[in-house]
């Protein structure tokens, strides 16, 4: 089953050019993230990674500055907070532009 999800993602990469794909809010694209998890940790963890990203890679996130270190963080719809290093660069640039 692991090979199925890996081949499906590779097919997605082949059929849909990167410039036509939806822009991800995470620094590592959802397909790359799920591919790595499935490849390294197996099918089940890959499915859970896909589910997490699918539920959180939509509108509803909130960027905020951490008052302790002034780094930008993101509150996801699932209420999980992710660090600056995992946020897409384009969102960090926009956030800094607004400040």
N, C-alpha and C. Protein backbone atom coordinates (compact mmCIF):
# COMPACT_ATOMS: atom_id res chain seq x y z
N UNK A 1 0.82 -1.20 0.00
CA UNK A 1 0.00 0.00 0.00
C UNK A 1 0.86 1.27 0.00
N UNK A 2 2.01 1.19 0.68
CA UNK A 2 2.90 2.35 0.72
C UNK A 2 3.30 2.76 -0.70
N UNK A 3 3.58 1.77 -1.53
CA UNK A 3 4.00 2.07 -2.90
C UNK A 3 2.88 2.72 -3.70
N UNK A 4 1.64 2.39 -3.38
CA UNK A 4 0.50 3.00 -4.06
C UNK A 4 0.46 4.51 -3.81
N UNK A 5 0.59 4.90 -2.55
CA UNK A 5 0.52 6.34 -2.23
C UNK A 5 1.73 7.07 -2.83
N UNK A 6 2.90 6.42 -2.83
CA UNK A 6 4.09 7.05 -3.40
C UNK A 6 3.93 7.23 -4.91
N UNK A 7 3.43 6.22 -5.58
CA UNK A 7 3.22 6.31 -7.03
C UNK A 7 2.14 7.34 -7.36
N UNK A 8 1.10 7.42 -6.54
CA UNK A 8 0.04 8.39 -6.76
C UNK A 8 0.59 9.82 -6.67
N UNK A 9 1.44 10.08 -5.68
CA UNK A 9 2.03 11.42 -5.53
C UNK A 9 2.97 11.71 -6.69
N UNK A 10 3.75 10.73 -7.11
CA UNK A 10 4.64 10.93 -8.25
C UNK A 10 3.85 11.23 -9.52
N UNK A 11 2.72 10.55 -9.69
CA UNK A 11 1.85 10.82 -10.83
C UNK A 11 1.28 12.24 -10.76
N UNK A 12 0.89 12.66 -9.57
CA UNK A 12 0.40 14.03 -9.35
C UNK A 12 1.48 15.04 -9.77
N UNK A 13 2.72 14.80 -9.35
CA UNK A 13 3.82 15.70 -9.71
C UNK A 13 4.05 15.72 -11.21
N UNK A 14 3.87 14.59 -11.85
CA UNK A 14 4.09 14.49 -13.28
C UNK A 14 2.98 15.18 -14.08
N UNK A 15 1.74 15.01 -13.66
CA UNK A 15 0.59 15.53 -14.41
C UNK A 15 0.36 17.03 -14.18
N UNK A 16 0.51 17.47 -12.95
CA UNK A 16 0.22 18.87 -12.63
C UNK A 16 1.52 19.61 -12.38
N UNK A 17 1.86 20.56 -13.25
CA UNK A 17 3.11 21.31 -13.06
C UNK A 17 3.06 22.14 -11.76
N UNK A 18 4.21 22.34 -11.18
CA UNK A 18 4.31 23.02 -9.88
C UNK A 18 3.65 24.40 -9.90
N UNK A 19 3.79 25.14 -10.99
CA UNK A 19 3.20 26.49 -11.04
C UNK A 19 1.67 26.47 -11.10
N UNK A 20 1.07 25.32 -11.40
CA UNK A 20 -0.39 25.23 -11.46
C UNK A 20 -0.99 24.64 -10.18
N UNK A 21 -0.14 24.17 -9.29
CA UNK A 21 -0.62 23.59 -8.04
C UNK A 21 -1.03 24.68 -7.07
N UNK A 22 -1.91 24.33 -6.18
CA UNK A 22 -2.36 25.24 -5.14
C UNK A 22 -1.18 25.61 -4.25
N UNK A 23 -1.10 26.85 -3.84
CA UNK A 23 -0.01 27.32 -2.99
C UNK A 23 -0.25 26.86 -1.55
N UNK A 24 0.75 26.22 -1.00
CA UNK A 24 0.65 25.65 0.35
C UNK A 24 1.02 26.70 1.40
N UNK A 25 0.42 26.59 2.57
CA UNK A 25 0.75 27.50 3.67
C UNK A 25 1.99 27.02 4.43
N UNK A 26 2.39 25.80 4.17
CA UNK A 26 3.56 25.24 4.82
C UNK A 26 4.79 25.40 3.93
N UNK A 27 5.95 25.47 4.54
CA UNK A 27 7.19 25.63 3.78
C UNK A 27 7.43 24.43 2.87
N UNK A 28 7.25 23.23 3.39
CA UNK A 28 7.36 22.02 2.57
C UNK A 28 5.96 21.71 2.05
N UNK A 29 5.82 21.59 0.74
CA UNK A 29 4.49 21.37 0.16
C UNK A 29 3.85 20.13 0.75
N UNK A 30 2.54 20.10 0.71
CA UNK A 30 1.80 18.98 1.28
C UNK A 30 2.17 17.67 0.61
N UNK A 31 2.31 17.68 -0.71
CA UNK A 31 2.64 16.43 -1.40
C UNK A 31 4.05 15.96 -1.04
N UNK A 32 4.99 16.86 -0.92
CA UNK A 32 6.35 16.47 -0.53
C UNK A 32 6.37 15.94 0.90
N UNK A 33 5.63 16.60 1.77
CA UNK A 33 5.56 16.18 3.17
C UNK A 33 4.96 14.77 3.28
N UNK A 34 3.83 14.55 2.63
CA UNK A 34 3.16 13.24 2.70
C UNK A 34 4.04 12.17 2.05
N UNK A 35 4.68 12.50 0.95
CA UNK A 35 5.58 11.56 0.28
C UNK A 35 6.69 11.11 1.23
N UNK A 36 7.33 12.06 1.89
CA UNK A 36 8.43 11.73 2.80
C UNK A 36 7.95 10.88 3.97
N UNK A 37 6.82 11.24 4.55
CA UNK A 37 6.29 10.48 5.69
C UNK A 37 5.94 9.06 5.24
N UNK A 38 5.23 8.93 4.13
CA UNK A 38 4.85 7.59 3.65
C UNK A 38 6.08 6.76 3.31
N UNK A 39 7.06 7.37 2.68
CA UNK A 39 8.27 6.65 2.29
C UNK A 39 9.05 6.17 3.51
N UNK A 40 9.18 7.04 4.51
CA UNK A 40 10.00 6.73 5.68
C UNK A 40 9.27 5.99 6.79
N UNK A 41 7.96 6.23 6.92
CA UNK A 41 7.24 5.68 8.07
C UNK A 41 6.08 4.77 7.70
N UNK A 42 5.77 4.64 6.40
CA UNK A 42 4.75 3.70 5.99
C UNK A 42 3.43 4.33 5.57
N UNK A 43 2.58 3.47 5.04
CA UNK A 43 1.31 3.88 4.47
C UNK A 43 0.39 4.56 5.49
N UNK A 44 0.21 3.94 6.65
CA UNK A 44 -0.74 4.46 7.65
C UNK A 44 -0.33 5.86 8.10
N UNK A 45 0.93 6.04 8.42
CA UNK A 45 1.39 7.38 8.84
C UNK A 45 1.28 8.37 7.69
N UNK A 46 1.48 7.90 6.46
CA UNK A 46 1.30 8.76 5.29
C UNK A 46 -0.14 9.22 5.15
N UNK A 47 -1.08 8.33 5.39
CA UNK A 47 -2.50 8.69 5.33
C UNK A 47 -2.83 9.70 6.42
N UNK A 48 -2.33 9.49 7.63
CA UNK A 48 -2.56 10.45 8.71
C UNK A 48 -1.93 11.80 8.39
N UNK A 49 -0.74 11.79 7.79
CA UNK A 49 -0.09 13.05 7.41
C UNK A 49 -0.92 13.78 6.36
N UNK A 50 -1.45 13.04 5.39
CA UNK A 50 -2.32 13.64 4.37
C UNK A 50 -3.56 14.24 5.02
N UNK A 51 -4.18 13.50 5.93
CA UNK A 51 -5.39 13.99 6.59
C UNK A 51 -5.10 15.27 7.37
N UNK A 52 -3.99 15.30 8.12
CA UNK A 52 -3.63 16.49 8.88
C UNK A 52 -3.43 17.68 7.96
N UNK A 53 -2.65 17.50 6.90
CA UNK A 53 -2.39 18.60 5.98
C UNK A 53 -3.66 19.05 5.27
N UNK A 54 -4.48 18.11 4.83
CA UNK A 54 -5.72 18.46 4.12
C UNK A 54 -6.64 19.29 5.02
N UNK A 55 -6.75 18.93 6.28
CA UNK A 55 -7.63 19.66 7.20
C UNK A 55 -7.07 21.03 7.57
N UNK A 56 -5.77 21.20 7.50
CA UNK A 56 -5.15 22.45 7.96
C UNK A 56 -4.62 23.35 6.86
N UNK A 57 -4.50 22.86 5.65
CA UNK A 57 -3.93 23.65 4.56
C UNK A 57 -5.06 24.35 3.80
N UNK A 58 -5.84 25.04 4.50
CA UNK A 58 -6.95 25.79 3.92
C UNK A 58 -7.04 27.12 4.67
N UNK A 59 -8.07 27.85 4.38
CA UNK A 59 -8.26 29.10 5.12
C UNK A 59 -8.56 28.78 6.58
N UNK A 60 -8.44 29.74 7.41
CA UNK A 60 -8.72 29.54 8.83
C UNK A 60 -7.48 29.59 9.69
N UNK A 61 -6.32 29.71 9.07
CA UNK A 61 -5.09 29.83 9.86
C UNK A 61 -4.90 31.29 10.27
N UNK A 62 -4.10 31.49 11.29
CA UNK A 62 -3.83 32.84 11.78
C UNK A 62 -2.34 33.00 12.07
N UNK A 63 -1.74 34.02 11.49
CA UNK A 63 -0.34 34.33 11.77
C UNK A 63 -0.28 35.31 12.94
N UNK A 64 0.70 35.10 13.82
CA UNK A 64 0.88 36.02 14.94
C UNK A 64 2.35 36.06 15.34
N UNK A 65 2.72 37.13 16.00
CA UNK A 65 4.10 37.28 16.50
C UNK A 65 4.16 36.75 17.92
N UNK A 66 5.15 35.92 18.17
CA UNK A 66 5.39 35.42 19.52
C UNK A 66 6.02 36.55 20.32
N UNK A 67 5.38 37.01 21.38
CA UNK A 67 5.93 38.15 22.14
C UNK A 67 7.26 37.84 22.83
N UNK A 68 7.56 36.56 23.02
CA UNK A 68 8.80 36.18 23.70
C UNK A 68 10.03 36.39 22.82
N UNK A 69 9.90 36.09 21.51
CA UNK A 69 11.07 36.19 20.64
C UNK A 69 10.80 36.93 19.34
N UNK A 70 9.60 37.45 19.18
CA UNK A 70 9.18 38.23 18.02
C UNK A 70 9.21 37.41 16.71
N UNK A 71 9.17 36.07 16.81
CA UNK A 71 9.08 35.22 15.62
C UNK A 71 7.62 35.06 15.23
N UNK A 72 7.39 34.96 13.95
CA UNK A 72 6.04 34.69 13.47
C UNK A 72 5.71 33.22 13.67
N UNK A 73 4.51 32.96 14.16
CA UNK A 73 4.00 31.60 14.32
C UNK A 73 2.64 31.53 13.65
N UNK A 74 2.16 30.32 13.45
CA UNK A 74 0.88 30.14 12.79
C UNK A 74 -0.01 29.24 13.64
N UNK A 75 -1.23 29.70 13.87
CA UNK A 75 -2.24 28.90 14.53
C UNK A 75 -3.10 28.26 13.44
N UNK A 76 -3.10 26.94 13.39
CA UNK A 76 -3.84 26.21 12.37
C UNK A 76 -5.29 26.02 12.79
N UNK A 77 -6.18 25.68 11.86
CA UNK A 77 -7.58 25.42 12.23
C UNK A 77 -7.73 24.34 13.29
N UNK A 78 -6.77 23.40 13.36
CA UNK A 78 -6.82 22.34 14.38
C UNK A 78 -6.33 22.82 15.74
N UNK A 79 -5.99 24.10 15.83
CA UNK A 79 -5.48 24.75 17.05
C UNK A 79 -4.03 24.38 17.37
N UNK A 80 -3.36 23.72 16.44
CA UNK A 80 -1.94 23.44 16.61
C UNK A 80 -1.17 24.67 16.16
N UNK A 81 -0.10 25.00 16.87
CA UNK A 81 0.76 26.13 16.53
C UNK A 81 2.01 25.59 15.86
N UNK A 82 2.35 26.16 14.70
CA UNK A 82 3.58 25.76 14.04
C UNK A 82 4.57 26.91 14.06
N UNK A 83 5.82 26.54 14.02
CA UNK A 83 6.91 27.50 14.15
C UNK A 83 7.24 28.17 12.82
N UNK A 84 7.99 29.23 12.91
CA UNK A 84 8.45 30.03 11.79
C UNK A 84 9.07 29.18 10.68
N UNK A 85 9.86 28.17 11.05
CA UNK A 85 10.58 27.35 10.08
C UNK A 85 9.66 26.50 9.20
N UNK A 86 8.42 26.28 9.63
CA UNK A 86 7.50 25.44 8.87
C UNK A 86 6.48 26.25 8.07
N UNK A 87 6.51 27.56 8.18
CA UNK A 87 5.56 28.43 7.49
C UNK A 87 6.12 28.81 6.12
N UNK A 88 5.26 28.82 5.11
CA UNK A 88 5.68 29.18 3.76
C UNK A 88 6.31 30.57 3.76
N UNK A 89 7.41 30.68 3.05
CA UNK A 89 8.16 31.94 2.98
C UNK A 89 7.29 33.09 2.50
N UNK A 90 6.42 32.84 1.53
CA UNK A 90 5.58 33.90 0.97
C UNK A 90 4.65 34.49 2.04
N UNK A 91 4.20 33.67 2.99
CA UNK A 91 3.34 34.17 4.06
C UNK A 91 4.13 35.00 5.07
N UNK A 92 5.36 34.59 5.32
CA UNK A 92 6.21 35.35 6.24
C UNK A 92 6.52 36.73 5.66
N UNK A 93 6.76 36.79 4.36
CA UNK A 93 7.03 38.07 3.71
C UNK A 93 5.81 38.98 3.81
N UNK A 94 4.63 38.42 3.56
CA UNK A 94 3.40 39.21 3.67
C UNK A 94 3.19 39.71 5.10
N UNK A 95 3.44 38.84 6.06
CA UNK A 95 3.26 39.21 7.47
C UNK A 95 4.21 40.33 7.86
N UNK A 96 5.46 40.24 7.42
CA UNK A 96 6.44 41.29 7.73
C UNK A 96 6.09 42.59 7.02
N UNK A 97 5.50 42.49 5.85
CA UNK A 97 5.11 43.68 5.10
C UNK A 97 3.97 44.42 5.82
N UNK A 98 3.05 43.63 6.42
CA UNK A 98 1.92 44.24 7.15
C UNK A 98 2.36 44.91 8.43
N UNK A 99 3.43 44.39 9.05
CA UNK A 99 3.87 44.92 10.36
C UNK A 99 4.50 46.28 10.24
